[in-house]
């Protein structure tokens, strides 16, 4: 897969919160105008579990050492847009601690991406050893 395709996938992932705006999920201060499922979307859209999974997806898409940093960028943008949607708009970059929470969620996305990257690295090495054990036999010394 080309790098341009990967970056477009990452951009699409980070813009997922904007898909809820046409359906009326933008909080404008009046709770009566919001859909009945607003609370469910609010809880599911931006929480640490969702951010961890998003970081893992970014690692699976990129599959390189830079995936963790891309995960930070994608999860920051995703959480910034999601929290702005949930909390009622963007009245400035530092309004309601929006930037602080987005940065915190970016670190959580980094941790999710790091975990998946380590797991993939170990898994690939195990497959490589099982396919060609003679290459790694010199490393297995008997006590």
C-alpha atoms as a PDB file:
ATOM      1  CA  UNK A   1       0.000   0.000   0.000  1.00  0.00           C
ATOM      2  CA  UNK A   2       1.316   3.419  -0.924  1.00  0.00           C
ATOM      3  CA  UNK A   3       2.049   6.056   1.689  1.00  0.00           C
ATOM      4  CA  UNK A   4      -0.578   8.377   0.224  1.00  0.00           C
ATOM      5  CA  UNK A   5      -3.259   5.712   0.731  1.00  0.00           C
ATOM      6  CA  UNK A   6      -2.146   5.124   4.309  1.00  0.00           C
ATOM      7  CA  UNK A   7      -2.249   8.825   5.098  1.00  0.00           C
ATOM      8  CA  UNK A   8      -5.721   9.153   3.588  1.00  0.00           C
ATOM      9  CA  UNK A   9      -6.896   6.268   5.772  1.00  0.00           C
ATOM     10  CA  UNK A  10      -5.425   8.005   8.829  1.00  0.00           C
ATOM     11  CA  UNK A  11      -7.106  11.276   7.876  1.00  0.00           C
ATOM     12  CA  UNK A  12     -10.407   9.466   7.510  1.00  0.00           C
ATOM     13  CA  UNK A  13      -9.986   7.883  10.939  1.00  0.00           C
ATOM     14  CA  UNK A  14      -9.240  11.207  12.577  1.00  0.00           C
ATOM     15  CA  UNK A  15     -12.284  12.867  10.989  1.00  0.00           C
ATOM     16  CA  UNK A  16     -14.790  10.268  12.237  1.00  0.00           C
ATOM     17  CA  UNK A  17     -16.295  12.664  14.845  1.00  0.00           C
ATOM     18  CA  UNK A  18     -17.331  15.038  12.066  1.00  0.00           C
ATOM     19  CA  UNK A  19     -19.601  12.333  10.635  1.00  0.00           C
ATOM     20  CA  UNK A  20     -21.950  12.831  13.607  1.00  0.00           C
ATOM     21  CA  UNK A  21     -22.570  16.543  12.927  1.00  0.00           C
ATOM     22  CA  UNK A  22     -25.130  16.079  10.087  1.00  0.00           C
ATOM     23  CA  UNK A  23     -27.165  13.774  12.345  1.00  0.00           C
ATOM     24  CA  UNK A  24     -27.630  16.459  14.984  1.00  0.00           C
ATOM     25  CA  UNK A  25     -25.045  15.372  17.549  1.00  0.00           C
ATOM     26  CA  UNK A  26     -23.457  18.834  17.842  1.00  0.00           C
ATOM     27  CA  UNK A  27     -24.043  20.200  21.342  1.00  0.00           C
ATOM     28  CA  UNK A  28     -25.097  23.835  21.046  1.00  0.00           C
ATOM     29  CA  UNK A  29     -26.113  24.267  24.677  1.00  0.00           C
ATOM     30  CA  UNK A  30     -29.783  23.251  24.365  1.00  0.00           C
ATOM     31  CA  UNK A  31     -30.197  19.642  25.465  1.00  0.00           C
ATOM     32  CA  UNK A  32     -33.739  19.356  24.070  1.00  0.00           C
ATOM     33  CA  UNK A  33     -32.459  19.628  20.473  1.00  0.00           C
ATOM     34  CA  UNK A  34     -30.103  16.654  20.820  1.00  0.00           C
ATOM     35  CA  UNK A  35     -31.051  13.139  19.659  1.00  0.00           C
ATOM     36  CA  UNK A  36     -32.088  10.578  22.261  1.00  0.00           C
ATOM     37  CA  UNK A  37     -28.923   8.548  21.759  1.00  0.00           C
ATOM     38  CA  UNK A  38     -26.641  11.541  22.398  1.00  0.00           C
ATOM     39  CA  UNK A  39     -25.419  10.160  25.731  1.00  0.00           C
ATOM     40  CA  UNK A  40     -24.460   6.833  24.154  1.00  0.00           C
ATOM     41  CA  UNK A  41     -22.540   8.534  21.367  1.00  0.00           C
ATOM     42  CA  UNK A  42     -20.926  10.891  23.882  1.00  0.00           C
ATOM     43  CA  UNK A  43     -19.633   7.980  25.957  1.00  0.00           C
ATOM     44  CA  UNK A  44     -18.560   5.826  23.015  1.00  0.00           C
ATOM     45  CA  UNK A  45     -16.961   8.517  20.864  1.00  0.00           C
ATOM     46  CA  UNK A  46     -14.118   9.708  23.080  1.00  0.00           C
ATOM     47  CA  UNK A  47     -12.991   7.489  25.924  1.00  0.00           C
ATOM     48  CA  UNK A  48      -9.639   5.859  26.718  1.00  0.00           C
ATOM     49  CA  UNK A  49     -10.713   2.477  25.326  1.00  0.00           C
ATOM     50  CA  UNK A  50     -11.719   3.962  21.980  1.00  0.00           C
ATOM     51  CA  UNK A  51      -8.474   5.919  21.824  1.00  0.00           C
ATOM     52  CA  UNK A  52      -6.402   2.797  22.583  1.00  0.00           C
ATOM     53  CA  UNK A  53      -8.167   0.910  19.806  1.00  0.00           C
ATOM     54  CA  UNK A  54      -7.657   3.836  17.426  1.00  0.00           C
ATOM     55  CA  UNK A  55      -3.923   3.859  18.237  1.00  0.00           C
ATOM     56  CA  UNK A  56      -3.805   0.121  17.558  1.00  0.00           C
ATOM     57  CA  UNK A  57      -5.588   0.563  14.212  1.00  0.00           C
ATOM     58  CA  UNK A  58      -3.096   3.255  13.204  1.00  0.00           C
ATOM     59  CA  UNK A  59      -0.233   0.858  13.979  1.00  0.00           C
ATOM     60  CA  UNK A  60      -1.861  -1.879  11.918  1.00  0.00           C
ATOM     61  CA  UNK A  61      -2.332   0.513   8.993  1.00  0.00           C
ATOM     62  CA  UNK A  62       1.178   2.003   9.062  1.00  0.00           C
ATOM     63  CA  UNK A  63       3.242  -1.009  10.246  1.00  0.00           C
ATOM     64  CA  UNK A  64       6.429   0.960  10.737  1.00  0.00           C
ATOM     65  CA  UNK A  65       8.375   2.515  13.583  1.00  0.00           C
ATOM     66  CA  UNK A  66       6.739   5.856  12.867  1.00  0.00           C
ATOM     67  CA  UNK A  67       3.297   4.401  13.524  1.00  0.00           C
ATOM     68  CA  UNK A  68       3.383   5.429  17.174  1.00  0.00           C
ATOM     69  CA  UNK A  69       3.949   9.073  16.282  1.00  0.00           C
ATOM     70  CA  UNK A  70       1.256   8.958  13.638  1.00  0.00           C
ATOM     71  CA  UNK A  71      -1.028   7.460  16.280  1.00  0.00           C
ATOM     72  CA  UNK A  72      -0.393  10.475  18.504  1.00  0.00           C
ATOM     73  CA  UNK A  73      -1.307  12.870  15.704  1.00  0.00           C
ATOM     74  CA  UNK A  74      -4.412  10.942  14.670  1.00  0.00           C
ATOM     75  CA  UNK A  75      -5.701  10.418  18.217  1.00  0.00           C
ATOM     76  CA  UNK A  76      -5.048  14.064  19.086  1.00  0.00           C
ATOM     77  CA  UNK A  77      -7.049  15.279  16.099  1.00  0.00           C
ATOM     78  CA  UNK A  78      -9.772  12.673  16.710  1.00  0.00           C
ATOM     79  CA  UNK A  79     -10.155  13.544  20.391  1.00  0.00           C
ATOM     80  CA  UNK A  80      -9.944  17.299  19.764  1.00  0.00           C
ATOM     81  CA  UNK A  81     -12.762  17.111  17.226  1.00  0.00           C
ATOM     82  CA  UNK A  82     -14.754  14.615  19.300  1.00  0.00           C
ATOM     83  CA  UNK A  83     -14.516  16.576  22.526  1.00  0.00           C
ATOM     84  CA  UNK A  84     -15.341  19.808  20.727  1.00  0.00           C
ATOM     85  CA  UNK A  85     -18.414  18.110  19.324  1.00  0.00           C
ATOM     86  CA  UNK A  86     -19.457  16.746  22.721  1.00  0.00           C
ATOM     87  CA  UNK A  87     -18.718  19.853  24.797  1.00  0.00           C
ATOM     88  CA  UNK A  88     -20.442  22.244  22.486  1.00  0.00           C
ATOM     89  CA  UNK A  89     -18.179  23.768  19.921  1.00  0.00           C
ATOM     90  CA  UNK A  90     -14.790  25.316  19.675  1.00  0.00           C
ATOM     91  CA  UNK A  91     -14.740  28.671  21.453  1.00  0.00           C
ATOM     92  CA  UNK A  92     -10.976  28.815  21.274  1.00  0.00           C
ATOM     93  CA  UNK A  93      -8.192  26.267  21.459  1.00  0.00           C
ATOM     94  CA  UNK A  94      -7.955  26.330  25.259  1.00  0.00           C
ATOM     95  CA  UNK A  95     -11.670  26.450  26.019  1.00  0.00           C
ATOM     96  CA  UNK A  96     -12.856  23.985  28.680  1.00  0.00           C
ATOM     97  CA  UNK A  97      -9.482  22.258  28.770  1.00  0.00           C
ATOM     98  CA  UNK A  98     -10.127  20.876  25.299  1.00  0.00           C
ATOM     99  CA  UNK A  99      -6.494  21.026  24.264  1.00  0.00           C
ATOM    100  CA  UNK A 100      -5.310  19.458  27.526  1.00  0.00           C
ATOM    101  CA  UNK A 101      -7.685  16.513  27.261  1.00  0.00           C
ATOM    102  CA  UNK A 102      -6.839  16.011  23.592  1.00  0.00           C
ATOM    103  CA  UNK A 103      -3.125  15.905  24.472  1.00  0.00           C
ATOM    104  CA  UNK A 104      -3.817  13.381  27.226  1.00  0.00           C
ATOM    105  CA  UNK A 105      -5.768  11.192  24.830  1.00  0.00           C
ATOM    106  CA  UNK A 106      -2.919  11.466  22.310  1.00  0.00           C
ATOM    107  CA  UNK A 107      -0.578   9.955  24.905  1.00  0.00           C
ATOM    108  CA  UNK A 108      -3.092   7.159  25.516  1.00  0.00           C
ATOM    109  CA  UNK A 109      -3.196   6.529  21.754  1.00  0.00           C
ATOM    110  CA  UNK A 110       0.613   6.401  21.746  1.00  0.00           C
ATOM    111  CA  UNK A 111       0.529   3.720  24.465  1.00  0.00           C
ATOM    112  CA  UNK A 112      -1.983   1.669  22.478  1.00  0.00           C
ATOM    113  CA  UNK A 113       0.119   1.963  19.339  1.00  0.00           C
ATOM    114  CA  UNK A 114       3.303   1.084  21.234  1.00  0.00           C
ATOM    115  CA  UNK A 115       1.719  -2.051  22.703  1.00  0.00           C
ATOM    116  CA  UNK A 116       0.502  -3.248  19.316  1.00  0.00           C
ATOM    117  CA  UNK A 117       3.846  -2.400  17.673  1.00  0.00           C
ATOM    118  CA  UNK A 118       5.769  -4.445  20.278  1.00  0.00           C
ATOM    119  CA  UNK A 119       3.321  -7.315  19.892  1.00  0.00           C
ATOM    120  CA  UNK A 120       3.633  -7.259  16.093  1.00  0.00           C
ATOM    121  CA  UNK A 121       7.433  -7.132  16.276  1.00  0.00           C
ATOM    122  CA  UNK A 122       7.589 -10.140  18.591  1.00  0.00           C
ATOM    123  CA  UNK A 123       5.008 -12.008  16.517  1.00  0.00           C
ATOM    124  CA  UNK A 124       6.895 -11.375  13.252  1.00  0.00           C
ATOM    125  CA  UNK A 125      10.149 -12.542  14.874  1.00  0.00           C
ATOM    126  CA  UNK A 126       8.453 -15.731  16.101  1.00  0.00           C
ATOM    127  CA  UNK A 127       7.187 -16.477  12.595  1.00  0.00           C
ATOM    128  CA  UNK A 128      10.630 -15.790  11.147  1.00  0.00           C
ATOM    129  CA  UNK A 129      12.257 -18.180  13.637  1.00  0.00           C
ATOM    130  CA  UNK A 130       9.686 -20.897  12.988  1.00  0.00           C
ATOM    131  CA  UNK A 131      10.223 -20.655   9.221  1.00  0.00           C
ATOM    132  CA  UNK A 132      14.031 -20.676   9.380  1.00  0.00           C
ATOM    133  CA  UNK A 133      15.256 -22.184  12.679  1.00  0.00           C
ATOM    134  CA  UNK A 134      18.774 -22.897  11.380  1.00  0.00           C
ATOM    135  CA  UNK A 135      19.513 -19.206  11.058  1.00  0.00           C
ATOM    136  CA  UNK A 136      18.811 -18.640  14.751  1.00  0.00           C
ATOM    137  CA  UNK A 137      20.246 -21.905  16.096  1.00  0.00           C
ATOM    138  CA  UNK A 138      23.601 -20.331  16.948  1.00  0.00           C
ATOM    139  CA  UNK A 139      21.800 -18.047  19.400  1.00  0.00           C
ATOM    140  CA  UNK A 140      20.384 -21.017  21.333  1.00  0.00           C
ATOM    141  CA  UNK A 141      23.278 -22.112  23.489  1.00  0.00           C
ATOM    142  CA  UNK A 142      22.905 -25.056  25.815  1.00  0.00           C
ATOM    143  CA  UNK A 143      23.856 -24.379  29.423  1.00  0.00           C
END
